[in-house]
Amino acid sequence: MKTVTKTHVGAYGVIIKDDKIALIKKSRGGYKGKLDLPGGGIEHDETPMDALKRELVE
């Protein structure tokens, strides 16, 4: 039997303005409705910084 290992790598940022931290509410998946830091998965051709910039726009 073959064992499959799955790894998810992401880039997340902490945005602080006026002593408040920006959070997002998850809209899908196992954590739907929960709060998280802004960010997400890194595409194969991206640096972590490029992924974070893209995720913040999305």
PDB file of N, CA and C in Angstrom:
ATOM      1  N   MET A   1       0.842  -1.183   0.000  1.00  0.00           N
ATOM      2  CA  MET A   1       0.000   0.000   0.000  1.00  0.00           C
ATOM      3  C   MET A   1       0.887   1.246   0.000  1.00  0.00           C
ATOM      4  N   LYS A   2       0.561   2.204  -0.880  1.00  0.00           N
ATOM      5  CA  LYS A   2       1.347   3.431  -1.008  1.00  0.00           C
ATOM      6  C   LYS A   2       0.745   4.523  -0.118  1.00  0.00           C
ATOM      7  N   THR A   3       1.604   5.205   0.634  1.00  0.00           N
ATOM      8  CA  THR A   3       1.171   6.316   1.476  1.00  0.00           C
ATOM      9  C   THR A   3       1.374   7.621   0.714  1.00  0.00           C
ATOM     10  N   VAL A   4       0.342   8.456   0.694  1.00  0.00           N
ATOM     11  CA  VAL A   4       0.422   9.748   0.011  1.00  0.00           C
ATOM     12  C   VAL A   4       0.472  10.840   1.066  1.00  0.00           C
ATOM     13  N   THR A   5       1.461  11.712   0.953  1.00  0.00           N
ATOM     14  CA  THR A   5       1.588  12.853   1.861  1.00  0.00           C
ATOM     15  C   THR A   5       1.283  14.114   1.077  1.00  0.00           C
ATOM     16  N   LYS A   6       0.417  14.930   1.623  1.00  0.00           N
ATOM     17  CA  LYS A   6       0.040  16.181   0.972  1.00  0.00           C
ATOM     18  C   LYS A   6       0.481  17.340   1.854  1.00  0.00           C
ATOM     19  N   THR A   7       1.171  18.303   1.252  1.00  0.00           N
ATOM     20  CA  THR A   7       1.657  19.463   1.983  1.00  0.00           C
ATOM     21  C   THR A   7       1.086  20.726   1.344  1.00  0.00           C
ATOM     22  N   HIS A   8       0.619  21.637   2.171  1.00  0.00           N
ATOM     23  CA  HIS A   8       0.113  22.926   1.685  1.00  0.00           C
ATOM     24  C   HIS A   8       1.022  24.016   2.234  1.00  0.00           C
ATOM     25  N   VAL A   9       1.540  24.843   1.336  1.00  0.00           N
ATOM     26  CA  VAL A   9       2.410  25.944   1.740  1.00  0.00           C
ATOM     27  C   VAL A   9       1.687  27.239   1.424  1.00  0.00           C
ATOM     28  N   GLY A  10       1.663  28.162   2.381  1.00  0.00           N
ATOM     29  CA  GLY A  10       0.966  29.412   2.172  1.00  0.00           C
ATOM     30  C   GLY A  10       1.783  30.609   2.629  1.00  0.00           C
ATOM     31  N   ALA A  11       1.299  31.778   2.231  1.00  0.00           N
ATOM     32  CA  ALA A  11       1.907  33.042   2.640  1.00  0.00           C
ATOM     33  C   ALA A  11       0.810  33.902   3.259  1.00  0.00           C
ATOM     34  N   TYR A  12       1.003  34.324   4.486  1.00  0.00           N
ATOM     35  CA  TYR A  12       0.001  35.103   5.211  1.00  0.00           C
ATOM     36  C   TYR A  12       0.654  36.348   5.780  1.00  0.00           C
ATOM     37  N   GLY A  13      -0.118  37.401   5.920  1.00  0.00           N
ATOM     38  CA  GLY A  13       0.424  38.655   6.421  1.00  0.00           C
ATOM     39  C   GLY A  13      -0.370  39.190   7.599  1.00  0.00           C
ATOM     40  N   VAL A  14       0.293  39.976   8.402  1.00  0.00           N
ATOM     41  CA  VAL A  14      -0.360  40.670   9.519  1.00  0.00           C
ATOM     42  C   VAL A  14      -0.423  42.140   9.136  1.00  0.00           C
ATOM     43  N   ILE A  15      -1.646  42.657   9.026  1.00  0.00           N
ATOM     44  CA  ILE A  15      -1.852  44.057   8.669  1.00  0.00           C
ATOM     45  C   ILE A  15      -2.429  44.759   9.893  1.00  0.00           C
ATOM     46  N   ILE A  16      -1.695  45.766  10.382  1.00  0.00           N
ATOM     47  CA  ILE A  16      -2.127  46.507  11.565  1.00  0.00           C
ATOM     48  C   ILE A  16      -2.307  47.966  11.183  1.00  0.00           C
ATOM     49  N   LYS A  17      -3.469  48.504  11.507  1.00  0.00           N
ATOM     50  CA  LYS A  17      -3.756  49.915  11.252  1.00  0.00           C
ATOM     51  C   LYS A  17      -4.616  50.437  12.399  1.00  0.00           C
ATOM     52  N   ASP A  18      -4.232  51.580  12.947  1.00  0.00           N
ATOM     53  CA  ASP A  18      -4.962  52.177  14.073  1.00  0.00           C
ATOM     54  C   ASP A  18      -5.170  51.175  15.208  1.00  0.00           C
ATOM     55  N   ASP A  19      -4.119  50.412  15.530  1.00  0.00           N
ATOM     56  CA  ASP A  19      -4.138  49.403  16.595  1.00  0.00           C
ATOM     57  C   ASP A  19      -5.170  48.297  16.364  1.00  0.00           C
ATOM     58  N   LYS A  20      -5.559  48.068  15.100  1.00  0.00           N
ATOM     59  CA  LYS A  20      -6.488  46.988  14.757  1.00  0.00           C
ATOM     60  C   LYS A  20      -5.794  46.046  13.780  1.00  0.00           C
ATOM     61  N   ILE A  21      -6.076  44.752  13.900  1.00  0.00           N
ATOM     62  CA  ILE A  21      -5.507  43.746  13.019  1.00  0.00           C
ATOM     63  C   ILE A  21      -6.559  43.330  11.996  1.00  0.00           C
ATOM     64  N   ALA A  22      -6.172  43.333  10.711  1.00  0.00           N
ATOM     65  CA  ALA A  22      -7.084  42.922   9.638  1.00  0.00           C
ATOM     66  C   ALA A  22      -7.215  41.399   9.632  1.00  0.00           C
ATOM     67  N   LEU A  23      -8.449  40.910   9.622  1.00  0.00           N
ATOM     68  CA  LEU A  23      -8.739  39.485   9.522  1.00  0.00           C
ATOM     69  C   LEU A  23      -9.745  39.264   8.403  1.00  0.00           C
ATOM     70  N   ILE A  24      -9.764  38.053   7.870  1.00  0.00           N
ATOM     71  CA  ILE A  24     -10.757  37.691   6.862  1.00  0.00           C
ATOM     72  C   ILE A  24     -11.627  36.572   7.435  1.00  0.00           C
ATOM     73  N   LYS A  25     -12.838  36.442   6.912  1.00  0.00           N
ATOM     74  CA  LYS A  25     -13.711  35.348   7.312  1.00  0.00           C
ATOM     75  C   LYS A  25     -13.686  34.312   6.193  1.00  0.00           C
ATOM     76  N   LYS A  26     -13.324  33.072   6.531  1.00  0.00           N
ATOM     77  CA  LYS A  26     -13.245  31.997   5.550  1.00  0.00           C
ATOM     78  C   LYS A  26     -14.632  31.759   4.948  1.00  0.00           C
ATOM     79  N   SER A  27     -14.693  31.642   3.607  1.00  0.00           N
ATOM     80  CA  SER A  27     -15.981  31.482   2.930  1.00  0.00           C
ATOM     81  C   SER A  27     -16.251  30.050   2.491  1.00  0.00           C
ATOM     82  N   ARG A  28     -15.264  29.176   2.622  1.00  0.00           N
ATOM     83  CA  ARG A  28     -15.472  27.789   2.201  1.00  0.00           C
ATOM     84  C   ARG A  28     -14.501  26.864   2.914  1.00  0.00           C
ATOM     85  N   GLY A  29     -14.679  25.588   2.732  1.00  0.00           N
ATOM     86  CA  GLY A  29     -13.779  24.600   3.313  1.00  0.00           C
ATOM     87  C   GLY A  29     -14.135  24.269   4.753  1.00  0.00           C
ATOM     88  N   GLY A  30     -13.252  23.521   5.369  1.00  0.00           N
ATOM     89  CA  GLY A  30     -13.462  23.051   6.732  1.00  0.00           C
ATOM     90  C   GLY A  30     -13.493  24.144   7.788  1.00  0.00           C
ATOM     91  N   TYR A  31     -12.954  25.302   7.450  1.00  0.00           N
ATOM     92  CA  TYR A  31     -12.916  26.414   8.403  1.00  0.00           C
ATOM     93  C   TYR A  31     -13.888  27.528   8.009  1.00  0.00           C
ATOM     94  N   LYS A  32     -14.896  27.208   7.205  1.00  0.00           N
ATOM     95  CA  LYS A  32     -15.879  28.198   6.755  1.00  0.00           C
ATOM     96  C   LYS A  32     -16.468  28.942   7.958  1.00  0.00           C
ATOM     97  N   GLY A  33     -16.499  30.289   7.841  1.00  0.00           N
ATOM     98  CA  GLY A  33     -17.034  31.122   8.911  1.00  0.00           C
ATOM     99  C   GLY A  33     -16.027  31.502   9.981  1.00  0.00           C
ATOM    100  N   LYS A  34     -14.854  30.888   9.972  1.00  0.00           N
ATOM    101  CA  LYS A  34     -13.813  31.194  10.969  1.00  0.00           C
ATOM    102  C   LYS A  34     -12.956  32.359  10.489  1.00  0.00           C
ATOM    103  N   LEU A  35     -12.317  33.054  11.432  1.00  0.00           N
ATOM    104  CA  LEU A  35     -11.433  34.168  11.099  1.00  0.00           C
ATOM    105  C   LEU A  35     -10.017  33.669  10.842  1.00  0.00           C
ATOM    106  N   ASP A  36      -9.317  34.356   9.940  1.00  0.00           N
ATOM    107  CA  ASP A  36      -7.951  33.983   9.583  1.00  0.00           C
ATOM    108  C   ASP A  36      -7.193  35.237   9.173  1.00  0.00           C
ATOM    109  N   LEU A  37      -5.874  35.117   9.093  1.00  0.00           N
ATOM    110  CA  LEU A  37      -5.062  36.205   8.560  1.00  0.00           C
ATOM    111  C   LEU A  37      -5.226  36.252   7.047  1.00  0.00           C
ATOM    112  N   PRO A  38      -5.081  37.432   6.433  1.00  0.00           N
ATOM    113  CA  PRO A  38      -5.140  37.499   4.980  1.00  0.00           C
ATOM    114  C   PRO A  38      -3.951  36.773   4.357  1.00  0.00           C
ATOM    115  N   GLY A  39      -4.219  36.037   3.293  1.00  0.00           N
ATOM    116  CA  GLY A  39      -3.171  35.297   2.610  1.00  0.00           C
ATOM    117  C   GLY A  39      -3.736  34.049   1.975  1.00  0.00           C
ATOM    118  N   GLY A  40      -2.873  33.146   1.598  1.00  0.00           N
ATOM    119  CA  GLY A  40      -3.316  31.907   0.980  1.00  0.00           C
ATOM    120  C   GLY A  40      -2.175  31.144   0.367  1.00  0.00           C
ATOM    121  N   GLY A  41      -2.534  30.218  -0.518  1.00  0.00           N
ATOM    122  CA  GLY A  41      -1.563  29.312  -1.110  1.00  0.00           C
ATOM    123  C   GLY A  41      -0.605  29.980  -2.076  1.00  0.00           C
ATOM    124  N   ILE A  42       0.570  29.378  -2.186  1.00  0.00           N
ATOM    125  CA  ILE A  42       1.609  29.847  -3.096  1.00  0.00           C
ATOM    126  C   ILE A  42       1.541  29.001  -4.365  1.00  0.00           C
ATOM    127  N   GLU A  43       1.451  29.656  -5.518  1.00  0.00           N
ATOM    128  CA  GLU A  43       1.457  28.950  -6.802  1.00  0.00           C
ATOM    129  C   GLU A  43       2.878  28.481  -7.111  1.00  0.00           C
ATOM    130  N   HIS A  44       3.012  27.514  -8.027  1.00  0.00           N
ATOM    131  CA  HIS A  44       4.324  26.922  -8.325  1.00  0.00           C
ATOM    132  C   HIS A  44       5.346  27.939  -8.841  1.00  0.00           C
ATOM    133  N   ASP A  45       4.897  28.980  -9.527  1.00  0.00           N
ATOM    134  CA  ASP A  45       5.841  29.933 -10.117  1.00  0.00           C
ATOM    135  C   ASP A  45       5.986  31.222  -9.312  1.00  0.00           C
ATOM    136  N   GLU A  46       5.513  31.249  -8.070  1.00  0.00           N
ATOM    137  CA  GLU A  46       5.508  32.472  -7.263  1.00  0.00           C
ATOM    138  C   GLU A  46       6.501  32.409  -6.113  1.00  0.00           C
ATOM    139  N   THR A  47       6.983  33.582  -5.728  1.00  0.00           N
ATOM    140  CA  THR A  47       7.708  33.712  -4.466  1.00  0.00           C
ATOM    141  C   THR A  47       6.652  33.901  -3.378  1.00  0.00           C
ATOM    142  N   PRO A  48       6.991  33.676  -2.122  1.00  0.00           N
ATOM    143  CA  PRO A  48       6.021  33.925  -1.054  1.00  0.00           C
ATOM    144  C   PRO A  48       5.500  35.372  -1.053  1.00  0.00           C
ATOM    145  N   MET A  49       6.369  36.349  -1.330  1.00  0.00           N
ATOM    146  CA  MET A  49       5.939  37.752  -1.349  1.00  0.00           C
ATOM    147  C   MET A  49       4.971  38.015  -2.500  1.00  0.00           C
ATOM    148  N   ASP A  50       5.248  37.458  -3.674  1.00  0.00           N
ATOM    149  CA  ASP A  50       4.333  37.615  -4.815  1.00  0.00           C
ATOM    150  C   ASP A  50       2.982  36.971  -4.511  1.00  0.00           C
ATOM    151  N   ALA A  51       3.001  35.813  -3.862  1.00  0.00           N
ATOM    152  CA  ALA A  51       1.748  35.135  -3.507  1.00  0.00           C
ATOM    153  C   ALA A  51       0.941  35.977  -2.525  1.00  0.00           C
ATOM    154  N   LEU A  52       1.607  36.557  -1.551  1.00  0.00           N
ATOM    155  CA  LEU A  52       0.898  37.381  -0.567  1.00  0.00           C
ATOM    156  C   LEU A  52       0.291  38.604  -1.233  1.00  0.00           C
ATOM    157  N   LYS A  53       1.031  39.257  -2.101  1.00  0.00           N
ATOM    158  CA  LYS A  53       0.491  40.426  -2.818  1.00  0.00           C
ATOM    159  C   LYS A  53      -0.737  40.042  -3.633  1.00  0.00           C
ATOM    160  N   ARG A  54      -0.670  38.896  -4.338  1.00  0.00           N
ATOM    161  CA  ARG A  54      -1.809  38.435  -5.147  1.00  0.00           C
ATOM    162  C   ARG A  54      -3.007  38.117  -4.258  1.00  0.00           C
ATOM    163  N   GLU A  55      -2.762  37.438  -3.167  1.00  0.00           N
ATOM    164  CA  GLU A  55      -3.853  37.061  -2.257  1.00  0.00           C
ATOM    165  C   GLU A  55      -4.515  38.300  -1.636  1.00  0.00           C
ATOM    166  N   LEU A  56      -3.734  39.322  -1.335  1.00  0.00           N
ATOM    167  CA  LEU A  56      -4.316  40.536  -0.749  1.00  0.00           C
ATOM    168  C   LEU A  56      -5.230  41.237  -1.745  1.00  0.00           C
ATOM    169  N   VAL A  57      -4.884  41.191  -3.021  1.00  0.00           N
ATOM    170  CA  VAL A  57      -5.737  41.791  -4.055  1.00  0.00           C
ATOM    171  C   VAL A  57      -7.020  40.972  -4.213  1.00  0.00           C
ATOM    172  N   GLU A  58      -6.879  39.638  -4.189  1.00  0.00           N
ATOM    173  CA  GLU A  58      -8.032  38.753  -4.353  1.00  0.00           C
ATOM    174  C   GLU A  58      -8.970  38.897  -3.187  1.00  0.00           C
TER     175      GLU A  58
END
